[in-house]
Protein backbone atom coordinates (compact mmCIF):
# COMPACT_ATOMS: atom_id res chain seq x y z
CA MET A 1 -65.41 56.13 -102.13
CA ASN A 2 -65.15 52.67 -103.63
CA TYR A 3 -61.91 50.64 -103.46
CA SER A 4 -61.02 47.92 -105.88
CA PRO A 5 -60.59 44.39 -104.46
CA HIS A 6 -56.94 44.29 -105.52
CA GLU A 7 -55.98 47.39 -103.55
CA SER A 8 -57.74 46.13 -100.45
CA THR A 9 -55.80 42.88 -100.44
CA GLU A 10 -52.42 44.54 -100.83
CA HIS A 11 -53.13 46.94 -98.02
CA ASP A 12 -54.13 44.14 -95.70
CA SER A 13 -50.89 42.28 -96.38
CA VAL A 14 -48.82 45.26 -95.40
CA LEU A 15 -50.75 45.57 -92.19
CA ASP A 16 -50.24 41.89 -91.38
CA GLU A 17 -46.49 42.13 -91.90
CA ARG A 18 -46.21 45.13 -89.65
CA ALA A 19 -48.23 43.39 -86.95
CA ALA A 20 -46.06 40.32 -87.18
CA ALA A 21 -42.88 42.40 -86.98
CA HIS A 22 -44.19 44.25 -83.94
CA ALA A 23 -45.13 41.02 -82.23
CA ALA A 24 -41.70 39.55 -82.92
CA GLY A 25 -40.02 42.67 -81.58
CA SER A 26 -42.17 42.55 -78.47
CA SER A 27 -41.29 38.88 -77.93
CA ARG A 28 -37.58 39.52 -78.31
CA GLY A 29 -37.80 42.49 -75.97
CA SER A 30 -39.46 40.39 -73.23
CA GLU A 31 -36.97 37.49 -73.53
CA ALA A 32 -33.90 39.70 -72.97
CA PRO A 33 -34.63 40.54 -69.26
CA ILE A 34 -35.42 36.91 -68.50
CA ARG A 35 -32.12 35.71 -69.93
CA GLY A 36 -30.21 38.41 -68.01
CA LEU A 37 -31.86 37.41 -64.73
CA ALA A 38 -31.09 33.76 -65.37
CA MET A 39 -27.43 34.55 -66.00
CA ILE A 40 -27.25 36.56 -62.77
CA LEU A 41 -28.79 33.70 -60.76
CA ILE A 42 -26.39 31.20 -62.32
CA SER A 43 -23.42 33.45 -61.51
CA VAL A 44 -24.57 33.82 -57.90
CA ALA A 45 -24.97 30.03 -57.55
CA VAL A 46 -21.47 29.46 -58.95
CA LEU A 47 -20.00 32.03 -56.57
CA LEU A 48 -21.76 30.44 -53.58
CA ALA A 49 -20.49 27.00 -54.58
CA LEU A 50 -16.93 28.29 -54.92
CA TRP A 51 -17.17 30.02 -51.51
CA GLY A 52 -18.35 26.81 -49.87
CA VAL A 53 -15.46 24.82 -51.35
CA PHE A 54 -12.96 27.47 -50.25
CA THR A 55 -14.38 27.53 -46.72
CA LEU A 56 -14.18 23.72 -46.45
CA ILE A 57 -10.57 23.62 -47.63
CA ASP A 58 -9.59 26.49 -45.35
CA SER A 59 -11.08 24.78 -42.27
CA ASP A 60 -9.09 21.60 -42.98
CA ASP A 61 -5.75 23.42 -43.22
CA PRO A 62 -3.33 21.50 -40.87
CA ASN A 63 -1.20 24.61 -40.45
CA ASP A 64 -3.94 26.48 -38.65
CA THR A 65 -3.14 26.99 -34.95
CA VAL A 66 -5.99 26.84 -32.46
CA VAL A 67 -5.47 29.06 -29.44
CA ALA A 68 -7.26 27.85 -26.33
CA ASP A 69 -9.34 30.32 -24.39
CA PRO A 70 -7.48 31.05 -21.10
CA GLY A 71 -10.76 31.30 -19.24
CA SER A 72 -12.18 28.15 -20.66
CA SER A 73 -13.39 25.72 -18.04
CA SER A 74 -12.38 22.83 -20.24
CA SER A 75 -8.68 23.18 -19.36
CA ALA A 76 -7.57 19.80 -18.09
CA ALA A 77 -6.58 19.59 -14.42
CA PRO A 78 -3.20 17.98 -13.71
CA SER A 79 -3.51 14.28 -13.20
CA PRO A 80 -2.79 13.20 -9.62
CA ALA A 81 0.46 11.36 -9.12
CA PRO A 82 0.02 7.64 -8.54
CA SER A 83 -0.18 6.86 -4.82
CA SER A 84 2.90 5.22 -3.37
CA SER A 85 0.58 3.23 -0.93
CA ALA A 86 -0.98 1.77 -3.87
CA GLU A 87 1.00 -0.96 -2.62
CA GLN A 88 1.58 -3.30 -5.43
CA ALA A 89 0.16 -6.71 -4.97
CA PRO A 90 2.75 -9.50 -4.84
CA PRO A 91 3.10 -11.44 -8.07
CA ALA A 92 0.90 -14.44 -8.31
CA ARG A 93 2.63 -17.74 -7.66
CA PRO A 94 2.31 -20.51 -10.21
CA GLU A 95 -0.29 -23.08 -9.32
CA GLY A 96 1.08 -25.66 -6.92
CA GLU A 97 4.07 -23.55 -5.82
CA LYS A 98 4.42 -23.16 -2.06
CA PRO A 99 5.31 -19.89 -0.36
CA ALA A 100 8.98 -19.41 0.38
CA GLY A 101 9.98 -20.68 3.78
CA ASP A 102 7.31 -23.37 4.04
CA LYS A 103 8.52 -26.83 4.82
CA PRO A 104 7.34 -29.89 2.87
CA GLY A 105 3.99 -31.11 4.11
CA GLY A 106 2.67 -27.61 4.82
CA GLU A 107 4.64 -27.18 8.05
CA LYS A 108 5.67 -23.66 8.98
CA PRO A 109 9.31 -23.04 9.88
CA ALA A 110 9.87 -22.96 13.60
CA ARG A 111 10.27 -19.52 15.07
CA PRO A 112 13.16 -18.85 17.41
CA ALA A 113 12.13 -18.92 21.03
CA GLU A 114 11.38 -15.48 22.35
CA GLN A 115 13.73 -14.64 25.15
CA GLY A 116 12.37 -12.59 27.98
CA THR A 117 14.22 -9.81 29.66
CA ALA A 118 17.02 -11.29 31.76
CA VAL A 119 16.57 -10.83 35.50
CA ASP A 120 19.48 -9.87 37.72
CA PRO A 121 20.39 -13.20 39.42
CA LYS A 122 20.92 -11.50 42.78
CA THR A 123 17.30 -10.32 42.86
CA VAL A 124 15.96 -13.89 42.91
CA PRO A 125 14.84 -14.93 46.44
CA VAL A 126 17.37 -17.13 48.30
CA THR A 127 16.68 -19.40 51.26
CA THR A 128 19.70 -20.48 53.36
CA LEU A 129 19.31 -23.74 55.33
CA ASN A 130 21.81 -25.34 57.78
CA ASN A 131 22.36 -29.07 57.20
CA SER A 132 25.41 -29.34 59.43
CA THR A 133 26.25 -29.55 63.15
CA ILE A 134 27.82 -26.07 63.02
CA THR A 135 25.61 -23.74 64.99
CA GLY A 136 24.74 -20.45 63.24
CA LEU A 137 26.24 -21.49 59.93
CA ALA A 138 23.14 -20.48 57.97
CA ASP A 139 22.96 -17.06 59.68
CA SER A 140 26.62 -16.37 59.05
CA VAL A 141 26.46 -17.28 55.38
CA ALA A 142 23.20 -15.34 54.86
CA THR A 143 24.75 -12.17 56.31
CA LYS A 144 27.76 -12.36 54.02
CA LEU A 145 25.54 -13.05 50.99
CA ARG A 146 23.39 -10.00 51.75
CA ASP A 147 26.54 -7.92 51.99
CA THR A 148 27.44 -8.94 48.44
CA GLY A 149 23.98 -8.01 47.09
CA TRP A 150 22.06 -11.30 47.25
CA ASN A 151 18.35 -11.29 48.12
CA VAL A 152 18.40 -13.70 51.10
CA ARG A 153 14.88 -13.83 52.55
CA GLU A 154 14.78 -16.83 54.84
CA VAL A 155 17.28 -18.60 57.11
CA GLY A 156 16.66 -21.95 58.78
CA ASN A 157 17.67 -25.57 59.37
CA PHE A 158 17.43 -28.60 57.13
CA ALA A 159 17.85 -31.59 59.45
CA ASP A 160 15.57 -34.21 57.92
CA THR A 161 17.94 -35.53 55.23
CA PRO A 162 21.73 -35.23 55.48
CA LEU A 163 23.34 -34.12 52.22
CA PRO A 164 26.86 -35.13 51.17
CA GLU A 165 27.89 -31.61 50.19
CA THR A 166 26.65 -28.02 50.01
CA THR A 167 24.28 -27.58 47.05
CA VAL A 168 22.26 -24.78 45.48
CA PHE A 169 18.85 -25.98 44.24
CA PHE A 170 16.58 -24.31 41.66
CA THR A 171 13.10 -25.08 40.29
CA PRO A 172 13.33 -27.13 37.06
CA GLY A 173 12.28 -25.10 34.01
CA ASN A 174 12.69 -21.74 35.79
CA ALA A 175 15.41 -19.98 33.80
CA ASP A 176 15.78 -17.10 36.28
CA GLU A 177 16.24 -19.43 39.25
CA GLU A 178 18.69 -21.57 37.31
CA ARG A 179 20.84 -18.58 36.37
CA ALA A 180 20.77 -17.33 39.96
CA ALA A 181 21.59 -20.79 41.39
CA ARG A 182 24.55 -21.28 39.06
CA ALA A 183 25.88 -17.77 39.76
CA LEU A 184 25.62 -18.37 43.54
CA ALA A 185 27.19 -21.82 43.26
CA GLU A 186 30.11 -20.34 41.31
CA GLN A 187 30.60 -17.68 43.96
CA LEU A 188 30.60 -20.27 46.78
CA GLY A 189 32.53 -22.92 44.89
CA VAL A 190 29.74 -25.51 45.17
CA GLN A 191 27.40 -27.30 42.78
CA ALA A 192 23.95 -26.30 41.47
CA GLN A 193 21.23 -28.73 40.45
CA PRO A 194 17.43 -28.95 40.02
CA ARG A 195 15.33 -29.55 43.09
CA SER A 196 15.01 -33.12 44.26
CA GLU A 197 12.21 -34.68 46.28
CA ALA A 198 14.17 -33.93 49.45
CA VAL A 199 13.76 -30.16 48.95
CA ALA A 200 10.36 -30.24 47.25
CA THR A 201 8.69 -28.52 50.24
CA ALA A 202 11.37 -25.82 50.64
CA PRO A 203 10.37 -22.14 50.14
CA GLN A 204 10.04 -20.84 46.60
CA GLY A 205 13.18 -19.54 44.93
CA VAL A 206 16.79 -20.64 45.14
CA VAL A 207 17.55 -22.93 48.10
CA LEU A 208 21.08 -23.07 49.53
CA ILE A 209 21.59 -26.09 51.79
CA LEU A 210 24.83 -25.82 53.80
CA THR A 211 26.93 -28.72 55.03
CA LYS A 212 30.11 -28.72 57.06
CA ASP A 213 32.28 -28.90 53.94
CA LEU A 214 31.43 -25.32 52.98
CA ARG A 215 34.23 -22.86 53.15
CA THR A 216 33.04 -19.51 54.45
CA PRO A 217 32.45 -17.22 51.44
């Protein structure tokens, strides 16, 4: 069968329009899923961003109370009390200031003399010597002194140098002998004085030299 040129052209145009419409429909059908997926992804991203902001704000809430774990090893041990022997250092003195108690010129104040334990005067050794013409005077006096508690160790004569009166002698600088000599002299009613050259060789201790003026104690 033969077709006229006019009919062939009109038929072809109809076919072209249908093909174009089909292609357009196919293109619109493929774009719809892509747009839906993009909207879903955008919504998910927005939700994630909002969740992150909410989490950040919630973590910074000052009203949140943190409860410490009872078993945590990070619990602070009680601080030790400051030691009372941490003896505090004395405050520094201003430059040029001298310590209290120092004398001008750097001299230290004199300390009081240390006194030893006082000795009972009657325990100091006593020597009784007769310097008179009365026989047995030294023995008689020594016996009576022993009866009153005195430590009379030696009895003898002192005939080399006559003395004017009965005297109790003690070694100069010996405090115990001096106390004993003065106590004995007070008891006998005589004088006490440091040793002279005349009694330098007498026995150690208190020396009682008797003359005729002595009244029997």
